[in-house]
Protein backbone atom coordinates (compact mmCIF):
# COMPACT_ATOMS: atom_id res chain seq x y z
CA MET A 1 13.75 -114.13 15.46
CA GLU A 2 10.68 -116.19 14.81
CA ARG A 3 9.33 -114.58 18.02
CA PHE A 4 9.96 -110.74 16.54
CA ASN A 5 8.57 -111.59 13.17
CA LYS A 6 5.30 -113.23 14.48
CA HIS A 7 5.21 -110.02 16.66
CA ILE A 8 5.37 -107.80 13.51
CA GLY A 9 2.64 -109.72 11.97
CA ALA A 10 1.17 -108.78 8.54
CA VAL A 11 1.11 -105.30 7.03
CA ASN A 12 -2.09 -104.07 9.21
CA SER A 13 -0.73 -105.74 12.44
CA CYS A 14 -1.33 -103.81 15.58
CA HIS A 15 2.69 -103.32 15.54
CA ASN A 16 2.74 -101.17 12.19
CA ASP A 17 -0.04 -99.58 13.03
CA ALA A 18 1.73 -98.32 16.24
CA ARG A 19 4.89 -98.12 14.53
CA ILE A 20 3.36 -95.67 11.51
CA GLN A 21 1.76 -93.39 14.31
CA PHE A 22 4.80 -93.20 16.00
CA GLU A 23 6.65 -92.00 12.79
CA SER A 24 3.77 -89.93 11.86
CA PHE A 25 3.74 -88.48 15.45
CA GLN A 26 7.69 -87.87 14.94
CA ASP A 27 6.93 -86.56 11.59
CA GLN A 28 6.27 -82.00 12.31
CA ARG A 29 4.54 -82.40 8.46
CA HIS A 30 1.92 -84.53 10.33
CA SER A 31 1.57 -82.56 13.20
CA VAL A 32 -1.96 -80.92 14.06
CA SER A 33 -0.50 -77.61 14.37
CA ASN A 34 0.88 -77.89 10.56
CA VAL A 35 -2.33 -79.00 9.83
CA LEU A 36 -4.14 -76.02 11.41
CA ARG A 37 -1.65 -73.91 9.47
CA SER A 38 -2.34 -75.39 6.07
CA CYS A 39 -6.05 -74.67 6.75
CA GLY A 40 -5.72 -71.18 7.51
CA ARG A 41 -3.28 -71.40 4.44
CA GLU A 42 -5.65 -72.24 2.12
CA ILE A 43 -8.43 -69.69 3.95
CA ASP A 44 -6.13 -66.82 4.03
CA ILE A 45 -5.01 -67.86 -0.17
CA ALA A 46 -9.49 -68.10 -0.99
CA TYR A 47 -9.99 -64.48 1.25
CA ARG A 48 -7.04 -62.74 -0.73
CA THR A 49 -8.36 -63.93 -3.69
CA ARG A 50 -12.20 -62.37 -3.12
CA LEU A 51 -10.61 -59.40 -1.13
CA THR A 52 -9.12 -59.01 -4.93
CA ALA A 53 -12.16 -59.33 -6.78
CA ALA A 54 -14.30 -56.82 -4.84
CA LEU A 55 -11.15 -54.67 -4.97
CA ASP A 56 -10.78 -54.40 -9.31
CA VAL A 57 -14.78 -53.97 -9.08
CA THR A 58 -14.81 -51.07 -6.61
CA ARG A 59 -11.67 -49.60 -8.99
CA PHE A 60 -13.62 -50.11 -12.12
CA LEU A 61 -17.00 -48.64 -10.72
CA LEU A 62 -14.63 -45.84 -9.16
CA LYS A 63 -13.34 -45.01 -12.69
CA GLN A 64 -16.69 -45.11 -14.21
CA GLY A 65 -17.73 -42.89 -12.23
CA LEU A 66 -20.87 -45.43 -11.02
CA ALA A 67 -22.84 -45.87 -7.98
CA PHE A 68 -22.63 -48.98 -5.99
CA ARG A 69 -26.31 -49.67 -4.27
CA GLY A 70 -29.21 -50.71 -6.16
CA ASN A 71 -32.93 -50.08 -5.04
CA ASP A 72 -33.48 -54.31 -3.76
CA GLU A 73 -30.14 -55.94 -3.55
CA SER A 74 -32.13 -59.21 -2.26
CA THR A 75 -31.54 -62.33 -4.14
CA SER A 76 -34.42 -62.59 -5.39
CA SER A 77 -33.70 -59.17 -7.13
CA SER A 78 -33.59 -59.21 -11.35
CA ASN A 79 -30.95 -55.87 -10.24
CA ARG A 80 -28.81 -55.90 -7.33
CA GLY A 81 -27.40 -52.69 -7.80
CA ASN A 82 -23.79 -52.42 -10.04
CA PHE A 83 -21.91 -53.82 -7.83
CA LEU A 84 -22.94 -57.11 -6.53
CA GLU A 85 -24.19 -57.50 -10.29
CA LEU A 86 -20.82 -56.66 -11.90
CA PHE A 87 -19.07 -59.01 -8.84
CA GLU A 88 -21.41 -61.49 -9.98
CA TRP A 89 -20.22 -61.36 -14.00
CA TYR A 90 -16.97 -61.27 -12.70
CA SER A 91 -16.84 -64.99 -10.93
CA GLN A 92 -18.66 -66.52 -13.49
CA ARG A 93 -15.60 -65.64 -16.17
CA ASN A 94 -13.26 -66.90 -13.83
CA THR A 95 -13.09 -70.49 -11.94
CA GLU A 96 -10.24 -69.10 -9.68
CA ILE A 97 -12.83 -66.60 -8.15
CA PHE A 98 -15.96 -68.07 -9.00
CA GLU A 99 -14.75 -70.91 -6.01
CA VAL A 100 -14.24 -68.80 -3.39
CA VAL A 101 -16.98 -66.39 -3.60
CA ASN A 102 -21.03 -66.75 -3.04
CA GLN A 103 -21.93 -69.87 -2.16
CA ASN A 104 -18.61 -71.36 -1.96
CA ALA A 105 -17.10 -68.95 0.48
CA PRO A 106 -18.43 -68.41 4.60
CA ALA A 107 -21.65 -67.02 4.60
CA ASN A 108 -19.58 -64.28 7.30
CA ASN A 109 -17.12 -63.50 4.91
CA GLN A 110 -18.75 -62.85 1.79
CA LEU A 111 -16.94 -59.11 1.21
CA THR A 112 -20.04 -57.78 -0.71
CA SER A 113 -22.24 -55.80 2.18
CA PRO A 114 -22.70 -52.37 2.25
CA MET A 115 -20.36 -51.21 5.04
CA ILE A 116 -17.50 -53.31 3.05
CA GLN A 117 -18.34 -51.86 -0.27
CA LYS A 118 -17.62 -48.30 1.22
CA ASP A 119 -14.17 -49.82 2.88
CA LEU A 120 -13.39 -50.49 -0.13
CA ALA A 121 -14.05 -46.98 -1.56
CA HIS A 122 -12.45 -45.28 1.04
CA ALA A 123 -9.31 -47.18 0.91
CA CYS A 124 -8.87 -46.60 -2.96
CA ALA A 125 -9.74 -42.87 -2.10
CA SER A 126 -7.18 -42.82 0.57
CA GLU A 127 -4.26 -45.17 -1.94
CA ILE A 128 -4.98 -41.83 -4.63
CA THR A 129 -4.86 -39.35 -2.60
CA SER A 130 -1.11 -40.37 -1.30
CA VAL A 131 -0.11 -40.82 -4.56
CA ILE A 132 -0.82 -37.33 -5.60
CA ILE A 133 0.58 -36.13 -1.97
CA ASN A 134 3.88 -37.55 -3.30
CA ASP A 135 4.08 -36.62 -6.32
CA ILE A 136 3.52 -32.83 -5.57
CA GLY A 137 6.57 -33.86 -2.80
CA ASP A 138 7.76 -30.39 -1.51
CA ASN A 139 7.45 -28.49 -5.22
CA TYR A 140 4.89 -25.35 -5.18
CA PHE A 141 1.35 -25.90 -6.29
CA SER A 142 -1.90 -23.98 -6.95
CA LEU A 143 -5.30 -24.27 -5.74
CA ILE A 144 -8.35 -23.93 -7.53
CA VAL A 145 -12.02 -24.18 -5.86
CA ASP A 146 -15.49 -24.19 -6.73
CA GLU A 147 -18.92 -24.71 -4.37
CA SER A 148 -21.69 -27.25 -5.43
CA ARG A 149 -24.36 -29.20 -4.08
CA ASP A 150 -25.16 -33.15 -3.89
CA SER A 151 -28.30 -34.74 -4.72
CA SER A 152 -29.60 -34.56 -0.89
CA VAL A 153 -28.73 -30.55 -1.28
CA LYS A 154 -25.62 -30.51 0.55
CA GLU A 155 -23.40 -27.58 0.64
CA GLN A 156 -19.78 -28.83 -0.17
CA MET A 157 -16.56 -27.32 -1.69
CA GLY A 158 -14.39 -29.10 -4.31
CA VAL A 159 -10.39 -28.26 -4.27
CA VAL A 160 -8.00 -29.66 -7.49
CA LEU A 161 -4.49 -28.53 -6.96
CA ARG A 162 -2.48 -27.61 -9.83
CA TYR A 163 1.51 -28.68 -9.67
CA VAL A 164 4.64 -29.13 -11.56
CA ASN A 165 5.68 -32.88 -11.31
CA LYS A 166 9.46 -33.98 -11.59
CA GLU A 167 9.15 -34.45 -15.46
CA GLY A 168 8.43 -30.95 -15.92
CA ARG A 169 4.83 -31.25 -16.89
CA VAL A 170 1.76 -29.25 -15.45
CA ILE A 171 -0.75 -31.64 -13.33
CA GLU A 172 -4.18 -31.01 -12.22
CA ARG A 173 -5.43 -33.24 -9.37
CA PHE A 174 -8.83 -33.45 -8.29
CA LEU A 175 -7.97 -33.78 -4.33
CA ALA A 176 -11.30 -34.13 -2.04
CA ILE A 177 -14.51 -33.00 -1.61
CA VAL A 178 -15.33 -31.28 1.39
CA HIS A 179 -18.56 -30.68 3.16
CA VAL A 180 -19.49 -27.15 4.26
CA SER A 181 -21.80 -25.68 6.83
CA ASP A 182 -21.67 -22.64 5.06
CA THR A 183 -20.03 -21.06 1.93
CA THR A 184 -18.99 -17.96 3.89
CA SER A 185 -15.56 -16.87 2.98
CA LEU A 186 -13.95 -17.70 6.41
CA CYS A 187 -15.99 -21.15 6.92
CA LEU A 188 -14.38 -21.93 3.19
CA LYS A 189 -10.57 -21.01 4.70
CA ASP A 190 -11.04 -22.83 7.90
CA ALA A 191 -12.06 -25.81 5.41
CA ILE A 192 -8.88 -25.65 3.57
CA ASP A 193 -6.79 -24.67 6.57
CA SER A 194 -7.60 -28.65 7.90
CA LEU A 195 -7.61 -30.48 4.30
CA PHE A 196 -3.98 -29.36 4.45
CA ALA A 197 -2.74 -30.18 7.61
CA GLN A 198 -4.90 -33.87 6.77
CA HIS A 199 -2.57 -34.42 3.70
CA GLY A 200 0.77 -32.48 5.23
CA LEU A 201 0.14 -29.25 2.79
CA SER A 202 1.74 -25.98 3.63
CA LEU A 203 -0.16 -22.79 2.85
CA SER A 204 3.35 -21.13 2.56
CA LYS A 205 3.98 -23.57 -0.71
CA LEU A 206 1.16 -22.47 -2.23
CA ARG A 207 1.99 -20.16 -5.24
CA GLY A 208 -1.71 -19.15 -7.08
CA GLN A 209 -5.34 -19.23 -6.30
CA GLY A 210 -8.15 -19.59 -8.93
CA TYR A 211 -12.53 -19.35 -8.32
CA ASP A 212 -15.38 -18.61 -10.15
CA GLY A 213 -17.11 -14.96 -9.62
CA ALA A 214 -18.66 -15.43 -6.39
CA SER A 215 -17.97 -12.19 -4.13
CA ASN A 216 -17.64 -14.89 -1.05
CA MET A 217 -14.97 -16.63 -3.01
CA ARG A 218 -12.94 -13.60 -4.79
CA GLY A 219 -13.76 -10.53 -3.01
CA GLU A 220 -10.89 -7.78 -2.34
CA PHE A 221 -11.70 -7.17 1.71
CA ASN A 222 -13.13 -10.10 2.92
CA GLY A 223 -13.28 -12.99 0.03
CA LEU A 224 -11.27 -16.18 0.25
CA LYS A 225 -8.58 -14.54 -1.64
CA ALA A 226 -8.19 -11.75 0.78
CA LEU A 227 -7.64 -13.98 3.98
CA ILE A 228 -5.60 -16.31 1.60
CA LEU A 229 -2.91 -13.32 0.76
CA GLN A 230 -2.81 -12.31 4.38
CA GLU A 231 -1.02 -15.14 4.93
CA ASN A 232 1.04 -15.59 1.86
CA PRO A 233 0.98 -12.70 -0.37
CA TYR A 234 3.00 -14.89 -2.99
CA ALA A 235 -0.43 -16.87 -3.66
CA MET A 236 -1.54 -14.80 -6.73
CA TYR A 237 -5.12 -14.77 -7.41
CA ILE A 238 -5.88 -15.32 -11.24
CA HIS A 239 -9.18 -15.36 -12.49
CA CYS A 240 -10.88 -17.93 -14.62
CA PHE A 241 -10.81 -16.79 -17.49
CA ALA A 242 -13.79 -19.02 -19.38
CA HIS A 243 -15.46 -17.92 -16.74
CA GLN A 244 -14.78 -14.48 -16.18
CA LEU A 245 -16.14 -14.08 -20.41
CA GLN A 246 -19.30 -16.23 -19.40
CA LEU A 247 -20.00 -13.14 -16.22
CA VAL A 248 -19.59 -10.57 -18.95
CA ILE A 249 -22.13 -12.05 -21.16
CA VAL A 250 -24.21 -12.24 -18.95
CA ALA A 251 -24.41 -9.20 -17.47
CA VAL A 252 -24.42 -7.66 -21.17
CA ALA A 253 -27.89 -9.87 -21.66
CA LYS A 254 -28.60 -8.68 -18.11
CA GLY A 255 -28.35 -4.64 -18.23
CA ASN A 256 -30.00 -4.57 -22.15
CA ILE A 257 -33.64 -4.60 -22.18
CA ILE A 258 -33.90 -6.08 -25.55
CA VAL A 259 -31.56 -8.53 -25.05
CA SER A 260 -32.62 -9.55 -21.57
CA GLU A 261 -36.37 -9.91 -23.27
CA PHE A 262 -35.12 -11.44 -26.19
CA PHE A 263 -34.10 -14.76 -24.72
CA VAL A 264 -37.18 -13.76 -22.23
CA TYR A 265 -39.52 -15.17 -25.38
CA VAL A 266 -36.71 -17.65 -26.73
CA SER A 267 -36.86 -19.80 -23.65
CA MET A 268 -40.78 -19.87 -24.00
CA ILE A 269 -40.85 -20.82 -27.10
CA VAL A 270 -38.18 -23.67 -26.11
CA ASN A 271 -39.89 -24.73 -23.39
CA LEU A 272 -43.71 -24.30 -25.25
CA THR A 273 -42.29 -26.49 -28.13
CA GLY A 274 -40.28 -29.14 -26.23
CA VAL A 275 -42.34 -29.54 -23.16
CA SER A 276 -43.47 -32.76 -24.07
CA CYS A 277 -42.61 -36.25 -26.29
CA LYS A 278 -45.39 -35.22 -28.43
CA ARG A 279 -44.47 -32.16 -29.23
CA ARG A 280 -40.61 -32.88 -29.61
CA ASP A 281 -41.59 -35.81 -32.01
CA GLN A 282 -43.78 -33.31 -34.24
CA LEU A 283 -41.34 -30.60 -34.18
CA ARG A 284 -38.68 -33.78 -35.80
CA GLN A 285 -41.41 -34.32 -38.05
CA ILE A 286 -41.41 -31.43 -39.76
CA GLU A 287 -38.13 -30.72 -39.46
CA HIS A 288 -37.90 -33.97 -41.60
CA ASP A 289 -40.83 -32.86 -44.09
CA LYS A 290 -38.99 -29.95 -44.86
CA ILE A 291 -35.72 -31.20 -45.23
CA VAL A 292 -37.39 -33.27 -47.45
CA THR A 293 -38.70 -31.14 -50.03
CA LEU A 294 -35.30 -28.84 -50.17
CA LEU A 295 -33.88 -32.50 -50.85
CA ASP A 296 -35.81 -33.24 -53.67
CA SER A 297 -35.89 -29.31 -55.06
CA GLY A 298 -31.54 -29.31 -55.05
CA ASP A 299 -32.11 -26.54 -52.61
CA ILE A 300 -29.49 -28.20 -50.44
CA ILE A 301 -27.48 -31.24 -50.74
CA SER A 302 -27.30 -34.58 -48.89
CA GLY A 303 -24.09 -35.91 -47.26
CA LYS A 304 -22.30 -37.64 -44.75
CA GLY A 305 -23.12 -35.77 -41.17
CA LYS A 306 -25.34 -33.66 -42.96
CA ASN A 307 -29.45 -32.92 -42.11
CA GLN A 308 -29.04 -34.74 -39.21
CA GLU A 309 -32.39 -35.46 -37.40
CA THR A 310 -32.05 -32.78 -34.55
CA SER A 311 -34.57 -30.30 -31.91
CA LEU A 312 -34.06 -27.33 -30.50
CA ALA A 313 -31.63 -26.88 -27.44
CA ARG A 314 -32.28 -25.95 -23.67
CA PRO A 315 -30.30 -23.55 -23.16
CA GLY A 316 -28.86 -23.31 -20.14
CA ASP A 317 -28.39 -20.35 -16.90
CA THR A 318 -24.61 -21.25 -15.45
CA ARG A 319 -23.68 -21.81 -19.74
CA TRP A 320 -24.11 -19.22 -22.07
CA GLY A 321 -22.21 -21.40 -24.51
CA SER A 322 -25.57 -23.00 -24.64
CA HIS A 323 -27.79 -20.12 -25.83
CA TYR A 324 -25.79 -19.92 -28.84
CA LEU A 325 -26.54 -23.73 -29.61
CA THR A 326 -30.28 -23.33 -29.29
CA LEU A 327 -30.14 -19.92 -31.58
CA LEU A 328 -28.08 -21.70 -34.44
CA ARG A 329 -31.21 -24.49 -33.75
CA LEU A 330 -33.79 -21.92 -33.94
CA SER A 331 -32.76 -19.89 -36.74
CA SER A 332 -32.10 -22.81 -38.98
CA MET A 333 -35.72 -24.83 -37.81
CA TRP A 334 -37.61 -21.22 -38.11
CA ALA A 335 -40.31 -22.47 -39.76
CA SER A 336 -40.70 -25.88 -37.85
CA VAL A 337 -40.92 -23.93 -35.13
CA ILE A 338 -43.70 -22.02 -36.20
CA GLY A 339 -45.71 -24.53 -37.66
CA ILE A 340 -45.42 -26.26 -34.41
CA LEU A 341 -46.18 -23.17 -32.37
CA GLY A 342 -49.54 -23.15 -35.42
CA ASN A 343 -50.38 -26.09 -34.41
CA ILE A 344 -50.44 -25.78 -30.66
CA GLN A 345 -52.47 -23.04 -31.66
CA ASP A 346 -54.99 -25.03 -33.11
CA ASP A 347 -54.57 -28.37 -30.71
CA ALA A 348 -54.11 -27.84 -27.38
CA THR A 349 -56.42 -28.25 -24.80
CA THR A 350 -55.52 -25.34 -22.62
CA SER A 351 -56.71 -21.61 -23.12
CA ASP A 352 -53.12 -20.98 -21.83
CA ASN A 353 -51.32 -22.43 -23.87
CA ARG A 354 -52.92 -21.73 -26.86
CA GLY A 355 -52.95 -18.18 -26.14
CA MET A 356 -49.09 -18.58 -25.42
CA ALA A 357 -48.49 -20.14 -28.94
CA ARG A 358 -50.60 -17.55 -30.42
CA GLY A 359 -48.37 -14.59 -28.93
CA LEU A 360 -45.10 -16.43 -29.77
CA ILE A 361 -45.95 -16.53 -33.26
CA ASP A 362 -46.59 -12.91 -33.75
CA ARG A 363 -43.25 -12.42 -31.30
CA MET A 364 -41.07 -14.49 -34.26
CA ASN A 365 -42.94 -12.81 -36.71
CA ASP A 366 -41.95 -8.76 -35.27
CA TYR A 367 -38.46 -7.68 -37.08
CA GLU A 368 -37.42 -7.29 -33.68
CA PHE A 369 -37.14 -10.42 -32.32
CA VAL A 370 -35.24 -11.43 -35.83
CA PHE A 371 -32.74 -8.43 -35.69
CA ALA A 372 -31.86 -9.49 -31.68
CA LEU A 373 -32.11 -13.49 -32.90
CA HIS A 374 -29.13 -12.84 -35.49
CA LEU A 375 -27.38 -10.09 -33.44
CA MET A 376 -26.86 -11.98 -30.55
CA LYS A 377 -26.06 -15.29 -32.39
CA TYR A 378 -23.09 -13.20 -34.26
CA LEU A 379 -21.62 -12.08 -30.92
CA LEU A 380 -22.34 -15.39 -29.28
CA GLY A 381 -20.03 -16.95 -31.93
CA ILE A 382 -17.23 -15.29 -31.27
CA THR A 383 -17.70 -15.14 -27.56
CA ASN A 384 -18.10 -19.29 -27.70
CA ASP A 385 -15.33 -20.15 -29.76
CA LEU A 386 -13.09 -18.01 -27.60
CA SER A 387 -14.41 -20.13 -24.38
CA LEU A 388 -14.03 -23.32 -26.62
CA VAL A 389 -10.22 -22.53 -26.48
CA LEU A 390 -10.18 -21.20 -23.40
CA GLN A 391 -11.35 -24.23 -21.66
CA GLN A 392 -8.64 -25.99 -23.32
CA ARG A 393 -5.85 -27.58 -21.44
CA ASP A 394 -3.19 -26.72 -23.14
CA GLN A 395 -4.06 -22.57 -23.07
CA ASN A 396 -1.70 -20.70 -20.60
CA ILE A 397 -1.94 -16.86 -20.00
CA VAL A 398 0.39 -15.19 -22.32
CA GLN A 399 -2.11 -17.34 -25.16
CA ALA A 400 -5.30 -16.33 -23.18
CA MET A 401 -4.47 -12.42 -22.85
CA SER A 402 -3.96 -12.59 -26.97
CA LEU A 403 -6.84 -14.33 -27.49
CA ILE A 404 -9.01 -12.17 -25.67
CA ASP A 405 -7.51 -9.72 -27.28
CA THR A 406 -8.07 -10.87 -30.54
CA MET A 407 -11.81 -11.13 -29.52
CA LYS A 408 -12.20 -7.52 -28.49
CA SER A 409 -10.64 -6.28 -32.51
CA GLN A 410 -13.34 -8.85 -33.45
CA LEU A 411 -15.86 -7.31 -31.53
CA GLN A 412 -14.99 -3.58 -32.44
CA ASP A 413 -14.68 -4.39 -36.06
CA PHE A 414 -18.01 -5.77 -35.31
CA ARG A 415 -18.95 -2.76 -34.09
CA GLU A 416 -17.75 -0.31 -36.64
CA GLU A 417 -18.53 -2.28 -39.87
CA GLY A 418 -20.93 -4.76 -39.15
CA TRP A 419 -23.82 -2.63 -39.35
CA GLN A 420 -24.91 -3.48 -43.28
CA ILE A 421 -24.26 -6.72 -42.93
CA ILE A 422 -26.04 -7.77 -40.18
CA LEU A 423 -28.92 -5.18 -41.75
CA ASP A 424 -28.50 -7.03 -44.85
CA GLU A 425 -28.68 -10.38 -43.13
CA VAL A 426 -31.74 -9.89 -41.16
CA ASN A 427 -33.73 -8.48 -44.43
CA ASN A 428 -33.13 -11.73 -46.35
CA PHE A 429 -34.19 -13.95 -43.73
CA CYS A 430 -37.25 -11.63 -43.10
CA GLU A 431 -38.12 -11.78 -46.88
CA LEU A 432 -37.21 -15.65 -47.11
CA ASN A 433 -39.94 -16.47 -43.79
CA MET A 434 -42.53 -13.61 -45.69
CA ILE A 435 -41.48 -11.24 -42.18
CA PRO A 436 -42.42 -7.18 -42.73
CA VAL A 437 -39.27 -5.47 -43.12
CA ILE A 438 -38.80 -2.36 -41.06
CA ASP A 439 -37.85 0.62 -43.87
CA MET A 440 -35.16 2.46 -41.97
CA GLU A 441 -36.12 5.87 -43.21
CA ASP A 442 -39.69 5.99 -41.35
CA SER A 443 -40.14 8.16 -38.36
CA ILE A 444 -39.95 6.62 -35.21
CA ALA A 445 -42.40 7.15 -32.04
CA ILE A 446 -40.77 6.98 -28.49
CA ARG A 447 -42.49 5.03 -25.95
CA GLY A 448 -43.09 6.36 -22.89
CA ASN A 449 -45.73 8.90 -21.20
CA ALA A 450 -48.69 10.33 -22.99
CA ARG A 451 -46.92 13.61 -23.46
CA ARG A 452 -43.68 12.24 -24.71
CA SER A 453 -45.13 9.33 -26.88
CA ARG A 454 -46.92 11.99 -29.31
CA ARG A 455 -43.53 13.30 -29.98
CA VAL A 456 -41.65 12.12 -33.47
CA TYR A 457 -37.67 12.62 -33.16
CA HIS A 458 -35.05 12.46 -36.19
CA ILE A 459 -31.78 12.75 -35.92
CA ARG A 460 -30.42 14.06 -39.43
CA TRP A 461 -26.56 14.33 -40.79
CA HIS A 462 -26.01 18.36 -42.09
CA GLY A 463 -24.26 17.24 -44.66
CA PRO A 464 -23.76 14.63 -47.87
CA ALA A 465 -25.06 11.37 -46.84
CA LYS A 466 -21.55 10.05 -48.30
CA SER A 467 -19.14 11.92 -46.07
CA ILE A 468 -20.80 10.58 -42.99
CA PRO A 469 -17.65 9.77 -40.83
CA LYS A 470 -17.33 6.63 -39.57
CA ALA A 471 -17.48 7.22 -35.83
CA SER A 472 -21.09 8.71 -36.74
CA ARG A 473 -21.75 5.74 -38.76
CA ASP A 474 -20.60 3.46 -35.68
CA LEU A 475 -23.54 0.74 -35.65
CA LEU A 476 -25.69 0.72 -32.46
CA TRP A 477 -28.63 -1.06 -33.38
CA TYR A 478 -32.31 -0.60 -34.31
CA ASN A 479 -34.54 -0.87 -32.44
CA ARG A 480 -38.19 0.66 -33.23
CA LYS A 481 -39.72 0.79 -29.96
CA VAL A 482 -35.92 3.26 -29.38
CA VAL A 483 -35.14 3.66 -26.07
CA ALA A 484 -38.25 2.25 -23.49
CA GLY A 485 -38.54 4.66 -20.44
CA VAL A 486 -35.69 6.73 -20.84
CA GLY A 487 -35.89 9.61 -22.54
CA MET A 488 -34.56 11.48 -26.03
CA GLU A 489 -32.92 13.81 -24.29
CA ALA A 490 -30.41 11.69 -22.97
CA VAL A 491 -29.63 10.39 -26.35
CA ALA A 492 -28.72 13.00 -27.15
CA LYS A 493 -26.82 14.42 -24.59
CA ASN A 494 -24.62 11.42 -25.42
CA LEU A 495 -24.30 12.30 -29.38
CA GLU A 496 -23.53 16.11 -28.38
CA ASP A 497 -20.18 14.61 -29.34
CA GLN A 498 -20.49 13.41 -32.49
CA PRO A 499 -19.56 15.93 -35.15
CA LYS A 500 -22.16 18.18 -36.98
CA LEU A 501 -24.64 15.87 -35.33
CA LYS A 502 -28.37 17.73 -34.54
CA ILE A 503 -31.34 16.72 -32.92
CA SER A 504 -34.04 18.06 -35.47
CA SER A 505 -37.64 19.20 -34.28
CA PRO A 506 -40.38 17.04 -36.07
CA LYS A 507 -40.81 20.16 -38.93
CA GLU A 508 -37.18 20.11 -40.18
CA VAL A 509 -37.01 16.74 -41.75
CA ALA A 510 -37.88 17.70 -45.58
CA GLY A 511 -35.16 16.24 -47.49
CA TYR A 512 -32.69 14.63 -44.77
CA PRO A 513 -32.10 11.28 -44.73
CA VAL A 514 -33.30 9.75 -40.65
CA MET A 515 -30.70 8.36 -39.03
CA GLU A 516 -32.31 5.68 -36.44
CA ILE A 517 -31.31 5.19 -32.71
CA ALA A 518 -31.10 2.25 -30.37
CA ARG A 519 -29.72 0.91 -27.05
CA SER A 520 -26.97 -1.40 -26.88
CA GLY A 521 -24.84 -3.31 -24.47
CA PHE A 522 -22.01 -0.85 -25.44
CA GLY A 523 -23.31 2.64 -24.77
CA TRP A 524 -25.35 4.59 -27.12
CA ARG A 525 -24.44 4.95 -30.43
CA SER A 526 -26.47 5.43 -33.91
CA SER A 527 -26.34 4.03 -37.34
CA MET A 528 -27.61 5.71 -40.87
CA GLU A 529 -28.46 4.09 -44.10
CA GLU A 530 -26.74 6.13 -46.70
CA ALA A 531 -28.70 7.84 -48.98
């Protein structure tokens, strides 16, 4: 026994070392494979933490619609782009993330490369699309398609699905943006078929389709609408009411030479007064000084949200609601706009700008321009209210039709009863801004060829002025140039059905009130000042 104890020796003897190693060999927790697995588990946890952080940053940028990349993503850059900067900010505020990213992560496993960013974005898109498709399930749905171009001028098609979910709520979901080689109806149809096949959607479940006013989208024979109806006659086509209203306004404005010319001048005024920051600041300062003067005199009152700094709004070609805002600003800032145009006329460095400013001042001081301003401001006010309401999500087809009928009734009432209202408003505006007011009893020469322009026509009412029938007083707006390029005979022919109305010769004018003739987007009508 003594020899055994001597063999065992002290704690650090060879025997005890061998025993400890043998026991460790028998314990699987200290095996090489287990140690490797333990290290691998730590690496997996660090990788998952790093990936989760990168995915959180990706989801935030996608939700906010922000760009990922930066102009300079090098380590010495002060701004490396939204993804890298947000990733860095996130890690600095979370110790668990900070310990596994950047310098604490392997150089080949940072999860911040451009390719990784794209993969994460595509993964998010795939998961979102999968949720949308599962939510639709085997239910019916509608299709909304529109064309657009990205910053690289590539034609693409945006696809939105509208359906009723299991809770009975109407849901609209953006599905995809599809690049198309061209925007012909056949190409768009092929792209939709491919997209449906990719996501397992059936065209037989389609119950509605809606597009903009482009002929290749809604054409009766060759449009996308017709191609889909050939395969599925239940896919009813419904035009976008808000867009249709915009198309009507555009057609009326472009079809009437007076209104079209008016908006050309409005665009010139906005462009000339807002072409530089200097002119914008001058316009704001002039408007500010005017408001201060009116406040001091008590003509206007101050309060929360009133008399805020503003400038002329630039009208958009595709949204005619923006023209309404432009006209409101131009009307309220009239004196200030005249003032800045006067400054440009005096101080502009080029003769072209000086001449243009002078011409625009003359145009703004013209009665016809002021009349067109107030007329279109009133009409666009009616249509703008309807357009805003139609764009609300809680509208349905019944409400939309009711709103359109209401607007048509308002326009009809304005045609029949609005002449004197507009005329008084225009005259008051002209007197306030020292603009010459046209006498409605004056004779008007026709602009046209030399022989015809020397003739002065009068339309008179054969009977008491107070007994003018309402149909004959149905306004059609004053235009001192009358009808540019259209003979008076055409106007007379349109008025043949008006009771007791006759075209008189220049000699037969004594003792009769003069009726002015004008052109409007609704057709030819007449208006008379009662004696």
